[in-house]
Amino acid sequence: ILDALPDNVCGIQDRNVVKALLTAKPASIDTDNLS
């Protein structure tokens, strides 16, 4: 969905910020840390 956005839409300058969140390698979830 992100890659299909046209280059002229609102907020497109933040595409790389969003992509970095989606492509970051997840770690094992520490449930004791959630709170």
All heavy atoms as atom14 arrays in JSON, in Angstrom:
{
  "sequence": "ILDALPDNVCGIQDRNVVKALLTAKPASIDTDNLS",
  "atom14_mask": [
    [1, 1, 1, 1, 1, 1, 1, 1, 0, 0, 0, 0, 0, 0],
    [1, 1, 1, 1, 1, 1, 1, 1, 0, 0, 0, 0, 0, 0],
    [1, 1, 1, 1, 1, 1, 1, 1, 0, 0, 0, 0, 0, 0],
    [1, 1, 1, 1, 1, 0, 0, 0, 0, 0, 0, 0, 0, 0],
    [1, 1, 1, 1, 1, 1, 1, 1, 0, 0, 0, 0, 0, 0],
    [1, 1, 1, 1, 1, 1, 1, 0, 0, 0, 0, 0, 0, 0],
    [1, 1, 1, 1, 1, 1, 1, 1, 0, 0, 0, 0, 0, 0],
    [1, 1, 1, 1, 1, 1, 1, 1, 0, 0, 0, 0, 0, 0],
    [1, 1, 1, 1, 1, 1, 1, 0, 0, 0, 0, 0, 0, 0],
    [1, 1, 1, 1, 1, 1, 0, 0, 0, 0, 0, 0, 0, 0],
    [1, 1, 1, 1, 0, 0, 0, 0, 0, 0, 0, 0, 0, 0],
    [1, 1, 1, 1, 1, 1, 1, 1, 0, 0, 0, 0, 0, 0],
    [1, 1, 1, 1, 1, 1, 1, 1, 1, 0, 0, 0, 0, 0],
    [1, 1, 1, 1, 1, 1, 1, 1, 0, 0, 0, 0, 0, 0],
    [1, 1, 1, 1, 1, 1, 1, 1, 1, 1, 1, 0, 0, 0],
    [1, 1, 1, 1, 1, 1, 1, 1, 0, 0, 0, 0, 0, 0],
    [1, 1, 1, 1, 1, 1, 1, 0, 0, 0, 0, 0, 0, 0],
    [1, 1, 1, 1, 1, 1, 1, 0, 0, 0, 0, 0, 0, 0],
    [1, 1, 1, 1, 1, 1, 1, 1, 1, 0, 0, 0, 0, 0],
    [1, 1, 1, 1, 1, 0, 0, 0, 0, 0, 0, 0, 0, 0],
    [1, 1, 1, 1, 1, 1, 1, 1, 0, 0, 0, 0, 0, 0],
    [1, 1, 1, 1, 1, 1, 1, 1, 0, 0, 0, 0, 0, 0],
    [1, 1, 1, 1, 1, 1, 1, 0, 0, 0, 0, 0, 0, 0],
    [1, 1, 1, 1, 1, 0, 0, 0, 0, 0, 0, 0, 0, 0],
    [1, 1, 1, 1, 1, 1, 1, 1, 1, 0, 0, 0, 0, 0],
    [1, 1, 1, 1, 1, 1, 1, 0, 0, 0, 0, 0, 0, 0],
    [1, 1, 1, 1, 1, 0, 0, 0, 0, 0, 0, 0, 0, 0],
    [1, 1, 1, 1, 1, 1, 0, 0, 0, 0, 0, 0, 0, 0],
    [1, 1, 1, 1, 1, 1, 1, 1, 0, 0, 0, 0, 0, 0],
    [1, 1, 1, 1, 1, 1, 1, 1, 0, 0, 0, 0, 0, 0],
    [1, 1, 1, 1, 1, 1, 1, 0, 0, 0, 0, 0, 0, 0],
    [1, 1, 1, 1, 1, 1, 1, 1, 0, 0, 0, 0, 0, 0],
    [1, 1, 1, 1, 1, 1, 1, 1, 0, 0, 0, 0, 0, 0],
    [1, 1, 1, 1, 1, 1, 1, 1, 0, 0, 0, 0, 0, 0],
    [1, 1, 1, 1, 1, 1, 0, 0, 0, 0, 0, 0, 0, 0]
  ],
  "atom14_positions": [
    [[0.83, -1.2, 0.0], [0.0, 0.0, 0.0], [0.87, 1.25, 0.0], [0.63, 2.22, -0.75], [-0.94, -0.01, 1.22], [-1.94, -1.16, 1.13], [-1.67, 1.33, 1.36], [-2.73, -1.41, 2.4], [0.0, 0.0, 0.0], [0.0, 0.0, 0.0], [0.0, 0.0, 0.0], [0.0, 0.0, 0.0], [0.0, 0.0, 0.0], [0.0, 0.0, 0.0]],
    [[1.9, 1.25, 0.84], [2.79, 2.41, 0.96], [3.5, 2.69, -0.36], [3.59, 3.85, -0.8], [3.81, 2.16, 2.07], [4.74, 3.32, 2.41], [3.96, 4.47, 3.04], [5.84, 2.84, 3.37], [0.0, 0.0, 0.0], [0.0, 0.0, 0.0], [0.0, 0.0, 0.0], [0.0, 0.0, 0.0], [0.0, 0.0, 0.0], [0.0, 0.0, 0.0]],
    [[4.02, 1.66, -1.0], [4.76, 1.85, -2.25], [3.87, 2.33, -3.39], [4.36, 2.93, -4.36], [5.45, 0.54, -2.65], [6.61, 0.18, -1.73], [7.09, 1.09, -1.03], [7.02, -1.0, -1.7], [0.0, 0.0, 0.0], [0.0, 0.0, 0.0], [0.0, 0.0, 0.0], [0.0, 0.0, 0.0], [0.0, 0.0, 0.0], [0.0, 0.0, 0.0]],
    [[2.56, 2.05, -3.29], [1.63, 2.43, -4.36], [1.16, 3.88, -4.25], [0.48, 4.38, -5.15], [0.42, 1.5, -4.36], [0.0, 0.0, 0.0], [0.0, 0.0, 0.0], [0.0, 0.0, 0.0], [0.0, 0.0, 0.0], [0.0, 0.0, 0.0], [0.0, 0.0, 0.0], [0.0, 0.0, 0.0], [0.0, 0.0, 0.0], [0.0, 0.0, 0.0]],
    [[1.51, 4.57, -3.16], [1.08, 5.96, -3.01], [1.69, 6.85, -4.09], [2.9, 6.77, -4.35], [1.49, 6.49, -1.63], [0.68, 6.06, -0.42], [1.3, 6.65, 0.85], [-0.78, 6.49, -0.53], [0.0, 0.0, 0.0], [0.0, 0.0, 0.0], [0.0, 0.0, 0.0], [0.0, 0.0, 0.0], [0.0, 0.0, 0.0], [0.0, 0.0, 0.0]],
    [[0.9, 7.71, -4.71], [1.47, 8.68, -5.66], [2.43, 9.63, -4.94], [2.34, 9.86, -3.74], [0.23, 9.43, -6.18], [-0.92, 8.53, -5.88], [-0.56, 7.79, -4.63], [0.0, 0.0, 0.0], [0.0, 0.0, 0.0], [0.0, 0.0, 0.0], [0.0, 0.0, 0.0], [0.0, 0.0, 0.0], [0.0, 0.0, 0.0], [0.0, 0.0, 0.0]],
    [[3.35, 10.2, -5.7], [4.38, 11.06, -5.1], [3.87, 12.44, -4.72], [4.62, 13.22, -4.13], [5.56, 11.21, -6.08], [6.32, 9.91, -6.25], [6.28, 9.08, -5.32], [6.96, 9.73, -7.31], [0.0, 0.0, 0.0], [0.0, 0.0, 0.0], [0.0, 0.0, 0.0], [0.0, 0.0, 0.0], [0.0, 0.0, 0.0], [0.0, 0.0, 0.0]],
    [[2.62, 12.75, -5.06], [2.11, 14.1, -4.79], [1.05, 14.15, -3.7], [0.39, 15.18, -3.52], [1.55, 14.71, -6.08], [0.39, 13.88, -6.66], [0.15, 12.77, -6.23], [-0.31, 14.47, -7.63], [0.0, 0.0, 0.0], [0.0, 0.0, 0.0], [0.0, 0.0, 0.0], [0.0, 0.0, 0.0], [0.0, 0.0, 0.0], [0.0, 0.0, 0.0]],
    [[0.86, 13.05, -2.95], [-0.18, 13.05, -1.92], [0.32, 13.72, -0.65], [1.54, 13.87, -0.43], [-0.68, 11.62, -1.6], [-1.29, 10.99, -2.82], [0.46, 10.77, -1.05], [0.0, 0.0, 0.0], [0.0, 0.0, 0.0], [0.0, 0.0, 0.0], [0.0, 0.0, 0.0], [0.0, 0.0, 0.0], [0.0, 0.0, 0.0], [0.0, 0.0, 0.0]],
    [[-0.61, 14.07, 0.2], [-0.28, 14.72, 1.48], [0.6, 13.81, 2.33], [0.33, 12.61, 2.47], [-1.58, 15.05, 2.21], [-1.34, 15.83, 3.81], [0.0, 0.0, 0.0], [0.0, 0.0, 0.0], [0.0, 0.0, 0.0], [0.0, 0.0, 0.0], [0.0, 0.0, 0.0], [0.0, 0.0, 0.0], [0.0, 0.0, 0.0], [0.0, 0.0, 0.0]],
    [[1.65, 14.36, 2.91], [2.5, 13.63, 3.83], [3.48, 12.68, 3.18], [4.14, 11.9, 3.88], [0.0, 0.0, 0.0], [0.0, 0.0, 0.0], [0.0, 0.0, 0.0], [0.0, 0.0, 0.0], [0.0, 0.0, 0.0], [0.0, 0.0, 0.0], [0.0, 0.0, 0.0], [0.0, 0.0, 0.0], [0.0, 0.0, 0.0], [0.0, 0.0, 0.0]],
    [[3.63, 12.72, 1.85], [4.49, 11.75, 1.17], [5.95, 11.87, 1.63], [6.72, 10.92, 1.52], [4.38, 11.91, -0.37], [4.94, 10.68, -1.08], [5.05, 13.21, -0.81], [4.21, 9.4, -0.79], [0.0, 0.0, 0.0], [0.0, 0.0, 0.0], [0.0, 0.0, 0.0], [0.0, 0.0, 0.0], [0.0, 0.0, 0.0], [0.0, 0.0, 0.0]],
    [[6.31, 13.04, 2.17], [7.69, 13.22, 2.66], [8.0, 12.29, 3.83], [9.17, 12.07, 4.16], [7.93, 14.68, 3.07], [7.2, 15.13, 4.32], [5.78, 15.59, 4.04], [5.28, 15.47, 2.91], [5.1, 16.12, 5.06], [0.0, 0.0, 0.0], [0.0, 0.0, 0.0], [0.0, 0.0, 0.0], [0.0, 0.0, 0.0], [0.0, 0.0, 0.0]],
    [[6.95, 11.71, 4.44], [7.16, 10.8, 5.57], [7.17, 9.33, 5.14], [7.19, 8.44, 5.99], [6.06, 11.0, 6.62], [6.17, 12.37, 7.3], [7.3, 12.76, 7.63], [5.12, 13.02, 7.48], [0.0, 0.0, 0.0], [0.0, 0.0, 0.0], [0.0, 0.0, 0.0], [0.0, 0.0, 0.0], [0.0, 0.0, 0.0], [0.0, 0.0, 0.0]],
    [[7.14, 9.06, 3.84], [7.09, 7.67, 3.4], [8.27, 6.87, 3.93], [8.1, 5.73, 4.37], [7.05, 7.59, 1.87], [7.15, 6.15, 1.39], [6.54, 5.86, 0.05], [6.79, 6.82, -0.99], [6.13, 6.83, -2.15], [5.18, 5.94, -2.39], [6.39, 7.73, -3.07], [0.0, 0.0, 0.0], [0.0, 0.0, 0.0], [0.0, 0.0, 0.0]],
    [[9.46, 7.43, 3.9], [10.64, 6.68, 4.38], [10.58, 6.41, 5.87], [11.09, 5.38, 6.35], [11.92, 7.43, 4.01], [12.22, 7.36, 2.54], [11.73, 6.47, 1.83], [13.02, 8.3, 2.04], [0.0, 0.0, 0.0], [0.0, 0.0, 0.0], [0.0, 0.0, 0.0], [0.0, 0.0, 0.0], [0.0, 0.0, 0.0], [0.0, 0.0, 0.0]],
    [[9.97, 7.32, 6.61], [9.8, 7.1, 8.06], [8.91, 5.89, 8.3], [9.21, 5.02, 9.13], [9.18, 8.36, 8.72], [8.84, 8.08, 10.19], [10.14, 9.53, 8.61], [0.0, 0.0, 0.0], [0.0, 0.0, 0.0], [0.0, 0.0, 0.0], [0.0, 0.0, 0.0], [0.0, 0.0, 0.0], [0.0, 0.0, 0.0], [0.0, 0.0, 0.0]],
    [[7.81, 5.82, 7.56], [6.88, 4.69, 7.71], [7.52, 3.4, 7.22], [7.4, 2.35, 7.85], [5.57, 4.98, 6.94], [4.61, 3.8, 7.06], [4.92, 6.25, 7.47], [0.0, 0.0, 0.0], [0.0, 0.0, 0.0], [0.0, 0.0, 0.0], [0.0, 0.0, 0.0], [0.0, 0.0, 0.0], [0.0, 0.0, 0.0], [0.0, 0.0, 0.0]],
    [[8.23, 3.48, 6.1], [8.87, 2.28, 5.56], [9.9, 1.72, 6.54], [10.04, 0.5, 6.68], [9.53, 2.59, 4.22], [10.2, 1.39, 3.57], [10.62, 1.65, 2.14], [9.42, 1.6, 1.22], [9.81, 1.59, -0.22], [0.0, 0.0, 0.0], [0.0, 0.0, 0.0], [0.0, 0.0, 0.0], [0.0, 0.0, 0.0], [0.0, 0.0, 0.0]],
    [[10.61, 2.6, 7.22], [11.61, 2.14, 8.2], [10.94, 1.34, 9.33], [11.51, 0.36, 9.83], [12.37, 3.34, 8.77], [0.0, 0.0, 0.0], [0.0, 0.0, 0.0], [0.0, 0.0, 0.0], [0.0, 0.0, 0.0], [0.0, 0.0, 0.0], [0.0, 0.0, 0.0], [0.0, 0.0, 0.0], [0.0, 0.0, 0.0], [0.0, 0.0, 0.0]],
    [[9.75, 1.75, 9.74], [9.02, 1.02, 10.78], [8.6, -0.36, 10.29], [8.65, -1.35, 11.03], [7.79, 1.81, 11.22], [8.02, 3.15, 11.92], [6.69, 3.84, 12.19], [8.81, 2.96, 13.22], [0.0, 0.0, 0.0], [0.0, 0.0, 0.0], [0.0, 0.0, 0.0], [0.0, 0.0, 0.0], [0.0, 0.0, 0.0], [0.0, 0.0, 0.0]],
    [[8.18, -0.44, 9.03], [7.67, -1.69, 8.48], [8.77, -2.68, 8.12], [8.53, -3.89, 8.09], [6.81, -1.41, 7.23], [5.54, -0.59, 7.46], [4.89, -0.25, 6.12], [4.56, -1.35, 8.35], [0.0, 0.0, 0.0], [0.0, 0.0, 0.0], [0.0, 0.0, 0.0], [0.0, 0.0, 0.0], [0.0, 0.0, 0.0], [0.0, 0.0, 0.0]],
    [[9.95, -2.18, 7.83], [11.05, -3.06, 7.4], [12.05, -3.36, 8.51], [12.96, -4.17, 8.31], [11.79, -2.46, 6.2], [12.27, -1.15, 6.54], [10.87, -2.35, 4.99], [0.0, 0.0, 0.0], [0.0, 0.0, 0.0], [0.0, 0.0, 0.0], [0.0, 0.0, 0.0], [0.0, 0.0, 0.0], [0.0, 0.0, 0.0], [0.0, 0.0, 0.0]],
    [[11.9, -2.71, 9.66], [12.8, -2.99, 10.79], [12.65, -4.45, 11.22], [11.55, -4.99, 11.24], [12.49, -2.06, 11.96], [0.0, 0.0, 0.0], [0.0, 0.0, 0.0], [0.0, 0.0, 0.0], [0.0, 0.0, 0.0], [0.0, 0.0, 0.0], [0.0, 0.0, 0.0], [0.0, 0.0, 0.0], [0.0, 0.0, 0.0], [0.0, 0.0, 0.0]],
    [[13.75, -5.08, 11.53], [13.71, -6.48, 11.94], [13.14, -6.6, 13.35], [13.7, -6.06, 14.3], [15.11, -7.09, 11.9], [15.13, -8.59, 12.23], [16.52, -9.15, 12.13], [16.52, -10.65, 12.46], [17.88, -11.24, 12.39], [0.0, 0.0, 0.0], [0.0, 0.0, 0.0], [0.0, 0.0, 0.0], [0.0, 0.0, 0.0], [0.0, 0.0, 0.0]],
    [[12.01, -7.29, 13.52], [11.42, -7.41, 14.85], [12.29, -8.23, 15.79], [12.99, -9.16, 15.37], [10.09, -8.11, 14.59], [9.82, -7.96, 13.13], [11.18, -7.93, 12.49], [0.0, 0.0, 0.0], [0.0, 0.0, 0.0], [0.0, 0.0, 0.0], [0.0, 0.0, 0.0], [0.0, 0.0, 0.0], [0.0, 0.0, 0.0], [0.0, 0.0, 0.0]],
    [[12.24, -7.87, 17.05], [12.9, -8.65, 18.1], [11.86, -9.51, 18.8], [10.65, -9.34, 18.61], [13.56, -7.7, 19.1], [0.0, 0.0, 0.0], [0.0, 0.0, 0.0], [0.0, 0.0, 0.0], [0.0, 0.0, 0.0], [0.0, 0.0, 0.0], [0.0, 0.0, 0.0], [0.0, 0.0, 0.0], [0.0, 0.0, 0.0], [0.0, 0.0, 0.0]],
    [[12.33, -10.45, 19.59], [11.41, -11.24, 20.41], [10.68, -10.32, 21.38], [11.31, -9.46, 22.02], [12.16, -12.32, 21.18], [12.73, -13.26, 20.3], [0.0, 0.0, 0.0], [0.0, 0.0, 0.0], [0.0, 0.0, 0.0], [0.0, 0.0, 0.0], [0.0, 0.0, 0.0], [0.0, 0.0, 0.0], [0.0, 0.0, 0.0], [0.0, 0.0, 0.0]],
    [[9.38, -10.48, 21.48], [8.6, -9.58, 22.33], [8.82, -9.9, 23.8], [8.66, -11.04, 24.24], [7.1, -9.68, 21.98], [6.87, -9.12, 20.57], [6.26, -8.9, 23.0], [5.43, -9.17, 20.12], [0.0, 0.0, 0.0], [0.0, 0.0, 0.0], [0.0, 0.0, 0.0], [0.0, 0.0, 0.0], [0.0, 0.0, 0.0], [0.0, 0.0, 0.0]],
    [[9.21, -8.88, 24.54], [9.39, -9.0, 25.99], [8.09, -8.56, 26.66], [7.86, -7.37, 26.88], [10.56, -8.13, 26.43], [10.82, -8.2, 27.92], [10.14, -9.0, 28.61], [11.68, -7.44, 28.42], [0.0, 0.0, 0.0], [0.0, 0.0, 0.0], [0.0, 0.0, 0.0], [0.0, 0.0, 0.0], [0.0, 0.0, 0.0], [0.0, 0.0, 0.0]],
    [[7.22, -9.52, 26.94], [5.91, -9.16, 27.49], [6.01, -8.49, 28.86], [5.15, -7.68, 29.22], [5.0, -10.39, 27.59], [5.68, -11.43, 28.3], [4.65, -10.91, 26.19], [0.0, 0.0, 0.0], [0.0, 0.0, 0.0], [0.0, 0.0, 0.0], [0.0, 0.0, 0.0], [0.0, 0.0, 0.0], [0.0, 0.0, 0.0], [0.0, 0.0, 0.0]],
    [[7.06, -8.82, 29.61], [7.22, -8.19, 30.92], [7.49, -6.69, 30.81], [7.39, -5.95, 31.78], [8.38, -8.85, 31.68], [8.08, -10.28, 32.07], [6.88, -10.6, 32.18], [9.02, -11.08, 32.24], [0.0, 0.0, 0.0], [0.0, 0.0, 0.0], [0.0, 0.0, 0.0], [0.0, 0.0, 0.0], [0.0, 0.0, 0.0], [0.0, 0.0, 0.0]],
    [[7.83, -6.25, 29.6], [8.2, -4.86, 29.36], [7.01, -4.03, 28.85], [7.11, -2.81, 28.76], [9.34, -4.83, 28.33], [10.14, -3.54, 28.38], [10.31, -2.93, 29.43], [10.61, -3.11, 27.22], [0.0, 0.0, 0.0], [0.0, 0.0, 0.0], [0.0, 0.0, 0.0], [0.0, 0.0, 0.0], [0.0, 0.0, 0.0], [0.0, 0.0, 0.0]],
    [[5.9, -4.68, 28.51], [4.8, -3.97, 27.86], [4.22, -2.84, 28.72], [3.87, -1.78, 28.19], [3.69, -4.96, 27.5], [3.98, -5.94, 26.37], [2.79, -6.88, 26.15], [4.32, -5.21, 25.07], [0.0, 0.0, 0.0], [0.0, 0.0, 0.0], [0.0, 0.0, 0.0], [0.0, 0.0, 0.0], [0.0, 0.0, 0.0], [0.0, 0.0, 0.0]],
    [[4.13, -3.05, 30.0], [3.5, -2.05, 30.87], [4.32, -0.77, 30.96], [3.85, 0.23, 31.5], [3.29, -2.64, 32.27], [4.52, -3.02, 32.84], [0.0, 0.0, 0.0], [0.0, 0.0, 0.0], [0.0, 0.0, 0.0], [0.0, 0.0, 0.0], [0.0, 0.0, 0.0], [0.0, 0.0, 0.0], [0.0, 0.0, 0.0], [0.0, 0.0, 0.0]]
  ]
}
